[in-house]
Amino acid sequence: MLKNFFKKIRLTVLLFSLVSFFIIYPFVPSLAFGPSSSIIYQGIDVSSWQGSIDFAQVRNAGIDIVYMKSSEGRSYIDPYFERNYQNAKANGLKVGFYHYVTARTVEQAREQANFFASVISGKEPDCRLAMDFESFGNLSVNQINEISKVFLETLQNATNKEVLIYSNSYSARTIFSRDLAIYPLWVANYGVSEPGGNDKWATWVGWQYTSTGRVAGISGNVDRNQFTDGVLLSNISPIPTPETPSTPEQPTETGTIVYTVKSGDTLSSIARNYGTTVYRIVSLNPSITNPNLIYPGEQFIISIDSNTSSSSVVYTVVRGDTLSEIAARYNTTVSKLVTDNNISNPNLIYPGQRIGISVGTIPSLGNECGKILYTIKRGDTLSEIAARYDTTVNEIATLNNISNPNLIYAGNIIRVPNCRK
């Protein structure tokens, strides 16, 4: 009898558990994480890393959408941006733009969003504008989210276009806050059959599933993506010109500027106007494959100081400056600034601080290579960067006066020989 009694208890408990499951189950939040729709587009994202691209071959390879880097920080414009945009559009591909955020304050976030808007003004993207914020330095989670909110809100107001967030799955899950989930997510997650979920975004509009993809028309690796129709803009029209365009600060004495090609310009006339040479302009801008063929609207980095001897200026630090940005602007390196000015902490400079800058001391490259600006990311090594750009650690170290090739800092900007044929 006792045996039957316990059997009845077990049956009662089982029945109660089943009833409870079916009552509660509909209210348990689902962590399922999939595409926002069943409509899938094949896509890539590109920057100066890919060099010259044959977009006709890219289209014929089945690619529908191309996201392209337009800019970084508050002054850097990807040297291939204009050409990538024109050629992708000419071949009937849908295009989107992304900006690599380096802001460390909300003021810098606002400034970088306005700079992004000024770079892409007049262009007609088909896809949402993307914030690529992945290098956080010493920022707290709260600071990261405040910077993200200000950047996205400012960008949306400046362009009248919808925006999205690009993030790896770890940051989406652990760093970006729930209130940012009002913006669609383009998630990076490699080597998986589907991207990892989180409790903030229920779906993705973009999934970057590899950084080593291969596509006809592109030499070397390229990021491959799947996109849903959620990435597309509801209104395709030109980006408005900002009322107060945000343009890179121009050095008053020497250094580099970003020049926008005007109708009737030639490289030789630009070189004469800025006291430099056609060869010098070509060496600073790997996007120039034919010096006799440039387009109105293209933007080039131009060195104002054309002689090879060293000159110097005294620069006064303003709010939001970093040594890496100053070094890039004046064609020098962080290590050179640190050495010349006895700076104990390269990540700590102050508004009003005066920095002596020697300009024109970086060795020139041979005819076989161009130069790109590369922002070091956490985990990078010079050997990995050298392998990626078909160069050597010694060439990068020499070009940037790096005394210890085993010691580089995330966030610093270096010049890298780009020897791709």
Protein backbone atom coordinates (compact mmCIF):
# COMPACT_ATOMS: atom_id res chain seq x y z
CA MET A 1 0.00 0.00 0.00
CA LEU A 2 2.85 2.36 0.86
CA LYS A 3 4.37 1.65 -2.56
CA ASN A 4 1.12 2.66 -4.28
CA PHE A 5 0.98 5.79 -2.15
CA PHE A 6 4.40 7.02 -3.34
CA LYS A 7 3.53 6.12 -6.90
CA LYS A 8 0.46 8.36 -6.70
CA ILE A 9 2.60 11.19 -5.29
CA ARG A 10 5.08 10.89 -8.18
CA LEU A 11 2.26 10.95 -10.71
CA THR A 12 0.75 14.00 -9.04
CA VAL A 13 4.09 15.86 -9.06
CA LEU A 14 4.66 14.98 -12.74
CA LEU A 15 1.17 16.16 -13.70
CA PHE A 16 1.65 19.41 -11.76
CA SER A 17 5.01 20.03 -13.49
CA LEU A 18 3.53 19.50 -16.94
CA VAL A 19 0.62 21.84 -16.25
CA SER A 20 2.98 24.49 -14.85
CA PHE A 21 5.25 24.24 -17.91
CA PHE A 22 2.43 24.86 -20.38
CA ILE A 23 1.06 27.73 -18.30
CA ILE A 24 4.40 29.48 -17.80
CA TYR A 25 6.16 28.66 -21.11
CA PRO A 26 4.38 31.30 -23.24
CA PHE A 27 5.69 34.01 -20.88
CA VAL A 28 9.35 32.92 -20.82
CA PRO A 29 11.37 35.30 -23.03
CA SER A 30 12.94 33.60 -26.04
CA LEU A 31 16.64 34.04 -26.74
CA ALA A 32 16.20 32.96 -30.35
CA PHE A 33 18.35 35.23 -32.55
CA GLY A 34 17.90 35.13 -36.29
CA PRO A 35 17.54 37.35 -39.35
CA SER A 36 14.95 40.12 -39.24
CA SER A 37 13.30 38.72 -42.39
CA SER A 38 13.54 35.80 -44.80
CA ILE A 39 14.89 38.07 -47.54
CA ILE A 40 18.67 37.63 -47.57
CA TYR A 41 21.20 39.65 -49.60
CA GLN A 42 24.81 38.59 -50.07
CA GLY A 43 27.20 41.35 -49.07
CA ILE A 44 30.77 42.46 -48.43
CA ASP A 45 32.34 45.35 -46.55
CA VAL A 46 35.48 47.02 -47.90
CA SER A 47 38.05 49.70 -47.15
CA SER A 48 41.55 50.62 -48.30
CA TRP A 49 42.63 47.12 -47.19
CA GLN A 50 41.12 45.69 -50.38
CA GLY A 51 42.92 48.09 -52.73
CA SER A 52 41.44 48.53 -56.21
CA ILE A 53 38.24 46.55 -56.76
CA ASP A 54 36.61 45.39 -60.01
CA PHE A 55 32.97 45.90 -59.04
CA ALA A 56 31.67 44.38 -62.28
CA GLN A 57 33.23 41.08 -61.24
CA VAL A 58 31.95 41.55 -57.70
CA ARG A 59 28.40 41.95 -59.02
CA ASN A 60 28.74 38.94 -61.29
CA ALA A 61 29.94 36.90 -58.29
CA GLY A 62 26.48 37.30 -56.74
CA ILE A 63 27.16 40.17 -54.34
CA ASP A 64 24.18 42.47 -53.79
CA ILE A 65 25.33 44.93 -51.09
CA VAL A 66 28.65 46.67 -50.49
CA TYR A 67 29.31 48.51 -47.24
CA MET A 68 32.34 50.76 -47.55
CA LYS A 69 34.43 52.64 -45.04
CA SER A 70 34.13 56.36 -45.59
CA SER A 71 35.99 57.78 -42.63
CA GLU A 72 37.56 57.37 -39.21
CA GLY A 73 37.89 59.62 -36.18
CA ARG A 74 37.45 63.30 -36.91
CA SER A 75 39.76 63.83 -39.88
CA TYR A 76 40.60 60.62 -41.76
CA ILE A 77 38.88 59.82 -45.06
CA ASP A 78 39.44 56.37 -46.56
CA PRO A 79 41.50 57.02 -49.72
CA TYR A 80 39.42 54.51 -51.71
CA PHE A 81 36.02 55.77 -50.57
CA GLU A 82 35.16 58.01 -53.52
CA ARG A 83 36.26 55.47 -56.12
CA ASN A 84 34.54 52.59 -54.34
CA TYR A 85 31.30 54.57 -54.18
CA GLN A 86 31.33 55.66 -57.83
CA ASN A 87 32.24 52.23 -59.21
CA ALA A 88 29.88 50.24 -56.98
CA LYS A 89 26.98 52.50 -57.93
CA ALA A 90 27.91 52.34 -61.62
CA ASN A 91 27.67 48.55 -61.46
CA GLY A 92 24.22 48.50 -59.89
CA LEU A 93 25.24 47.42 -56.38
CA LYS A 94 23.45 48.64 -53.29
CA VAL A 95 25.85 50.65 -51.12
CA GLY A 96 26.17 51.53 -47.47
CA PHE A 97 28.70 53.62 -45.54
CA TYR A 98 30.37 53.07 -42.17
CA HIS A 99 32.50 55.26 -39.91
CA TYR A 100 35.12 53.91 -37.49
CA VAL A 101 34.55 55.73 -34.19
CA THR A 102 37.55 56.68 -32.04
CA ALA A 103 35.75 59.13 -29.72
CA ARG A 104 36.61 59.18 -26.02
CA THR A 105 34.07 61.83 -24.97
CA VAL A 106 30.52 62.73 -26.00
CA GLU A 107 31.88 65.97 -27.47
CA GLN A 108 34.21 63.96 -29.72
CA ALA A 109 31.30 61.65 -30.59
CA ARG A 110 29.26 64.61 -31.77
CA GLU A 111 32.20 65.98 -33.74
CA GLN A 112 32.90 62.63 -35.41
CA ALA A 113 29.25 62.12 -36.36
CA ASN A 114 29.20 65.54 -38.04
CA PHE A 115 32.48 64.76 -39.80
CA PHE A 116 31.00 61.48 -41.10
CA ALA A 117 27.95 63.38 -42.34
CA SER A 118 30.14 65.92 -44.14
CA VAL A 119 32.24 63.23 -45.85
CA ILE A 120 29.19 61.43 -47.28
CA SER A 121 27.17 64.57 -48.11
CA GLY A 122 25.80 64.51 -51.64
CA LYS A 123 26.04 60.72 -51.86
CA GLU A 124 22.99 58.43 -52.22
CA PRO A 125 23.35 55.37 -49.98
CA ASP A 126 20.90 52.49 -50.29
CA CYS A 127 21.56 51.19 -46.77
CA ARG A 128 21.46 52.48 -43.22
CA LEU A 129 24.51 54.40 -42.03
CA ALA A 130 26.65 52.26 -39.74
CA MET A 131 28.50 53.11 -36.53
CA ASP A 132 31.60 50.91 -36.14
CA PHE A 133 32.64 51.41 -32.50
CA GLU A 134 34.80 48.52 -31.35
CA SER A 135 38.01 49.90 -29.84
CA PHE A 136 37.13 51.19 -26.36
CA GLY A 137 40.48 51.78 -24.67
CA ASN A 138 39.94 52.56 -20.99
CA LEU A 139 36.33 53.71 -21.37
CA SER A 140 33.75 52.42 -18.90
CA VAL A 141 30.62 50.66 -20.12
CA ASN A 142 28.57 53.77 -19.28
CA GLN A 143 30.92 56.00 -21.25
CA ILE A 144 30.82 53.65 -24.25
CA ASN A 145 27.04 53.75 -24.31
CA GLU A 146 26.83 57.53 -23.86
CA ILE A 147 29.28 58.06 -26.73
CA SER A 148 27.30 55.62 -28.89
CA LYS A 149 23.97 57.34 -28.18
CA VAL A 150 25.31 60.79 -28.95
CA PHE A 151 27.04 59.63 -32.13
CA LEU A 152 23.95 57.85 -33.48
CA GLU A 153 21.52 60.64 -32.56
CA THR A 154 23.79 63.32 -34.03
CA LEU A 155 24.33 61.33 -37.22
CA GLN A 156 20.63 60.69 -37.70
CA ASN A 157 19.79 64.37 -37.20
CA ALA A 158 22.58 65.54 -39.51
CA THR A 159 21.73 63.19 -42.39
CA ASN A 160 17.98 62.49 -42.04
CA LYS A 161 18.86 58.83 -42.60
CA GLU A 162 18.31 55.71 -40.51
CA VAL A 163 21.32 54.23 -38.76
CA LEU A 164 22.49 50.90 -37.34
CA ILE A 165 25.15 49.51 -35.00
CA TYR A 166 27.99 47.26 -36.15
CA SER A 167 29.33 45.13 -33.30
CA ASN A 168 30.88 41.78 -32.55
CA SER A 169 28.57 39.40 -30.72
CA TYR A 170 30.48 39.73 -27.42
CA SER A 171 30.10 43.52 -27.24
CA ALA A 172 26.46 43.29 -28.31
CA ARG A 173 25.83 40.87 -25.47
CA THR A 174 27.92 42.42 -22.69
CA ILE A 175 28.66 46.09 -23.43
CA PHE A 176 26.01 47.86 -25.49
CA SER A 177 22.97 48.75 -23.38
CA ARG A 178 19.40 47.62 -23.90
CA ASP A 179 18.18 51.08 -24.91
CA LEU A 180 20.53 51.01 -27.92
CA ALA A 181 18.51 48.07 -29.28
CA ILE A 182 16.18 50.64 -30.86
CA TYR A 183 18.82 50.63 -33.61
CA PRO A 184 19.17 47.50 -35.78
CA LEU A 185 22.24 45.30 -35.27
CA TRP A 186 24.86 44.23 -37.79
CA VAL A 187 26.71 41.53 -35.86
CA ALA A 188 30.15 39.99 -36.45
CA ASN A 189 30.51 36.37 -35.40
CA TYR A 190 32.92 34.05 -37.24
CA GLY A 191 33.18 30.29 -37.49
CA VAL A 192 29.59 29.54 -36.42
CA SER A 193 26.52 28.23 -38.21
CA GLU A 194 24.50 31.17 -36.88
CA PRO A 195 25.45 34.23 -34.80
CA GLY A 196 25.27 34.04 -30.99
CA GLY A 197 22.15 35.53 -29.45
CA ASN A 198 21.67 38.08 -26.68
CA ASP A 199 18.82 39.39 -24.57
CA LYS A 200 18.72 42.85 -26.20
CA TRP A 201 18.31 42.33 -29.95
CA ALA A 202 15.78 39.73 -31.05
CA THR A 203 17.05 39.75 -34.64
CA TRP A 204 19.94 40.90 -36.81
CA VAL A 205 19.85 42.85 -40.08
CA GLY A 206 23.45 41.99 -40.92
CA TRP A 207 25.73 39.09 -40.09
CA GLN A 208 29.45 39.33 -40.86
CA TYR A 209 30.36 35.65 -40.84
CA THR A 210 34.01 35.68 -41.98
CA SER A 211 36.94 38.05 -42.45
CA THR A 212 38.70 35.72 -44.89
CA GLY A 213 36.15 35.53 -47.68
CA ARG A 214 37.11 35.47 -51.33
CA VAL A 215 35.18 37.26 -54.08
CA ALA A 216 36.02 37.66 -57.77
CA GLY A 217 37.23 41.19 -58.48
CA ILE A 218 38.99 41.54 -55.11
CA SER A 219 42.61 40.58 -54.52
CA GLY A 220 42.99 38.89 -51.14
CA ASN A 221 40.58 38.47 -48.26
CA VAL A 222 37.37 40.40 -47.76
CA ASP A 223 34.67 40.39 -45.07
CA ARG A 224 31.60 38.43 -46.17
CA ASN A 225 28.12 39.23 -44.90
CA GLN A 226 24.48 38.32 -45.10
CA PHE A 227 22.02 41.22 -44.94
CA THR A 228 18.24 41.32 -44.64
CA ASP A 229 15.99 43.97 -46.15
CA GLY A 230 16.04 45.59 -42.69
CA VAL A 231 19.37 47.11 -43.64
CA LEU A 232 17.83 49.09 -46.52
CA LEU A 233 16.87 52.75 -46.18
CA SER A 234 13.21 53.66 -46.44
CA ASN A 235 14.12 56.79 -48.41
CA ILE A 236 16.95 56.83 -50.96
CA SER A 237 18.03 60.41 -51.56
CA PRO A 238 21.26 62.43 -51.39
CA ILE A 239 22.75 63.07 -47.96
CA PRO A 240 22.21 66.77 -47.23
CA THR A 241 25.17 69.11 -47.01
CA PRO A 242 25.72 70.08 -43.36
CA GLU A 243 24.94 73.69 -42.54
CA THR A 244 28.38 73.97 -40.98
CA PRO A 245 30.50 71.34 -42.69
CA SER A 246 32.96 69.59 -40.43
CA THR A 247 36.30 69.48 -42.22
CA PRO A 248 39.71 68.38 -41.06
CA GLU A 249 41.75 71.07 -39.37
CA GLN A 250 44.34 72.42 -41.78
CA PRO A 251 47.86 72.93 -40.47
CA THR A 252 48.94 76.57 -40.63
CA GLU A 253 52.58 75.90 -41.48
CA THR A 254 53.23 72.37 -42.66
CA GLY A 255 51.86 68.83 -42.47
CA THR A 256 49.00 67.24 -44.41
CA ILE A 257 45.54 68.32 -45.51
CA VAL A 258 42.62 66.54 -47.15
CA TYR A 259 41.97 68.05 -50.58
CA THR A 260 38.71 67.61 -52.55
CA VAL A 261 39.22 67.47 -56.31
CA LYS A 262 37.36 70.14 -58.28
CA SER A 263 36.27 70.15 -61.90
CA GLY A 264 39.27 70.98 -64.12
CA ASP A 265 41.86 69.89 -61.55
CA THR A 266 44.88 67.83 -62.55
CA LEU A 267 47.40 66.25 -60.20
CA SER A 268 50.12 68.49 -61.59
CA SER A 269 48.08 71.66 -60.94
CA ILE A 270 47.24 70.51 -57.41
CA ALA A 271 50.91 69.71 -56.78
CA ARG A 272 51.97 73.19 -57.98
CA ASN A 273 49.36 74.90 -55.80
CA TYR A 274 50.58 73.11 -52.67
CA GLY A 275 54.30 73.15 -53.35
CA THR A 276 54.59 69.38 -53.67
CA THR A 277 55.01 66.84 -56.48
CA VAL A 278 52.73 64.46 -58.35
CA TYR A 279 54.86 61.53 -57.13
CA ARG A 280 54.46 62.67 -53.50
CA ILE A 281 50.65 62.86 -53.86
CA VAL A 282 50.49 59.43 -55.51
CA SER A 283 52.68 57.86 -52.79
CA LEU A 284 50.38 59.19 -50.06
CA ASN A 285 47.20 58.03 -51.82
CA PRO A 286 47.23 54.38 -52.96
CA SER A 287 43.76 54.89 -54.46
CA ILE A 288 45.38 56.77 -57.38
CA THR A 289 46.08 54.04 -59.92
CA ASN A 290 46.27 56.42 -62.92
CA PRO A 291 47.75 59.89 -62.20
CA ASN A 292 46.12 61.19 -65.38
CA LEU A 293 42.63 60.16 -64.26
CA ILE A 294 41.10 61.82 -61.21
CA TYR A 295 37.46 62.63 -60.49
CA PRO A 296 35.70 65.71 -59.08
CA GLY A 297 34.75 64.94 -55.49
CA GLU A 298 37.69 62.58 -54.86
CA GLN A 299 39.62 63.42 -51.71
CA PHE A 300 43.39 63.11 -51.39
CA ILE A 301 45.86 63.50 -48.56
CA ILE A 302 48.38 66.18 -49.56
CA SER A 303 51.67 66.94 -47.84
CA ILE A 304 52.24 70.70 -47.76
CA ASP A 305 55.92 70.29 -46.92
CA SER A 306 57.55 68.95 -50.09
CA ASN A 307 61.25 69.06 -49.22
CA THR A 308 62.93 66.13 -47.56
CA SER A 309 64.71 68.01 -44.82
CA SER A 310 63.15 68.30 -41.41
CA SER A 311 61.18 71.39 -40.39
CA SER A 312 59.39 71.96 -37.12
CA VAL A 313 56.26 73.55 -35.70
CA VAL A 314 54.91 74.07 -32.20
CA TYR A 315 51.41 72.66 -31.81
CA THR A 316 49.02 73.64 -29.00
CA VAL A 317 46.85 70.74 -27.89
CA VAL A 318 43.10 71.37 -28.02
CA ARG A 319 40.33 69.46 -26.27
CA GLY A 320 39.78 66.02 -27.80
CA ASP A 321 43.24 65.70 -29.35
CA THR A 322 45.19 62.46 -29.18
CA LEU A 323 48.87 61.98 -29.97
CA SER A 324 48.03 59.50 -32.71
CA GLU A 325 45.76 62.04 -34.48
CA ILE A 326 48.38 64.79 -34.16
CA ALA A 327 51.08 62.46 -35.49
CA ALA A 328 48.95 61.48 -38.49
CA ARG A 329 48.08 65.11 -39.21
CA TYR A 330 51.73 66.22 -39.25
CA ASN A 331 53.20 63.21 -41.04
CA THR A 332 55.17 61.96 -38.04
CA THR A 333 54.81 59.21 -35.42
CA VAL A 334 53.66 58.92 -31.81
CA SER A 335 57.03 57.53 -30.75
CA LYS A 336 58.79 60.55 -32.30
CA LEU A 337 56.49 62.99 -30.47
CA VAL A 338 56.99 61.13 -27.20
CA THR A 339 60.78 61.15 -27.55
CA ASP A 340 61.08 64.79 -28.67
CA ASN A 341 58.80 66.12 -25.93
CA ASN A 342 59.66 63.82 -22.99
CA ILE A 343 56.04 62.68 -22.75
CA SER A 344 55.81 60.02 -20.03
CA ASN A 345 52.30 58.76 -20.93
CA PRO A 346 51.35 58.81 -24.65
CA ASN A 347 47.67 58.45 -23.72
CA LEU A 348 47.66 61.54 -21.47
CA ILE A 349 47.98 65.01 -23.00
CA TYR A 350 46.28 68.24 -21.91
CA PRO A 351 44.49 71.12 -23.66
CA GLY A 352 46.92 74.03 -23.85
CA GLN A 353 49.98 71.77 -23.79
CA ARG A 354 52.57 72.83 -26.41
CA ILE A 355 54.22 70.05 -28.44
CA GLY A 356 57.22 70.48 -30.69
CA ILE A 357 56.78 68.58 -33.95
CA SER A 358 59.51 67.71 -36.46
CA VAL A 359 57.91 67.22 -39.86
CA GLY A 360 59.13 65.47 -42.96
CA THR A 361 61.40 62.94 -41.24
CA ILE A 362 59.55 59.74 -42.23
CA PRO A 363 61.45 57.83 -44.93
CA SER A 364 59.86 57.74 -48.37
CA LEU A 365 58.74 54.48 -49.94
CA GLY A 366 59.92 53.03 -53.22
CA ASN A 367 57.85 53.10 -56.39
CA GLU A 368 56.43 49.64 -55.71
CA CYS A 369 54.38 50.58 -52.63
CA GLY A 370 51.78 53.05 -51.49
CA LYS A 371 51.03 54.02 -47.88
CA ILE A 372 47.93 53.69 -45.78
CA LEU A 373 47.10 54.87 -42.29
CA TYR A 374 46.30 51.98 -39.95
CA THR A 375 44.76 52.27 -36.48
CA ILE A 376 46.19 49.61 -34.18
CA LYS A 377 43.54 47.45 -32.54
CA ARG A 378 43.72 45.49 -29.34
CA GLY A 379 45.54 42.21 -29.95
CA ASP A 380 47.38 43.44 -33.06
CA THR A 381 51.04 42.63 -33.57
CA LEU A 382 53.38 44.15 -36.14
CA SER A 383 54.00 40.73 -37.64
CA GLU A 384 50.25 40.19 -38.23
CA ILE A 385 49.85 43.68 -39.72
CA ALA A 386 52.90 43.11 -41.94
CA ALA A 387 51.52 39.80 -43.21
CA ARG A 388 48.14 41.39 -43.94
CA TYR A 389 49.72 44.09 -46.13
CA ASP A 390 52.42 41.98 -47.82
CA THR A 391 55.24 43.90 -46.12
CA THR A 392 57.71 43.28 -43.28
CA VAL A 393 57.97 44.21 -39.62
CA ASN A 394 61.24 46.00 -40.34
CA GLU A 395 59.65 48.20 -43.05
CA ILE A 396 56.78 49.22 -40.75
CA ALA A 397 59.16 49.88 -37.84
CA THR A 398 61.47 51.97 -40.03
CA LEU A 399 58.60 53.94 -41.56
CA ASN A 400 57.23 54.84 -38.12
CA ASN A 401 60.46 55.11 -36.09
CA ILE A 402 59.29 52.26 -33.84
CA SER A 403 62.21 51.37 -31.59
CA ASN A 404 60.61 48.25 -30.08
CA PRO A 405 58.54 46.27 -32.64
CA ASN A 406 57.10 44.16 -29.82
CA LEU A 407 55.57 47.20 -28.11
CA ILE A 408 52.67 48.88 -29.90
CA TYR A 409 49.56 50.52 -28.46
CA ALA A 410 45.89 50.08 -29.36
CA GLY A 411 44.49 53.31 -30.81
CA ASN A 412 47.78 54.55 -32.24
CA ILE A 413 47.82 55.33 -35.97
CA ILE A 414 50.77 54.04 -38.01
CA ARG A 415 51.72 54.19 -41.65
CA VAL A 416 51.88 50.85 -43.41
CA PRO A 417 53.43 50.10 -46.81
CA ASN A 418 50.68 48.74 -49.03
CA CYS A 419 52.53 46.66 -51.62
CA ARG A 420 49.58 44.85 -53.17
CA LYS A 421 49.76 44.70 -56.94
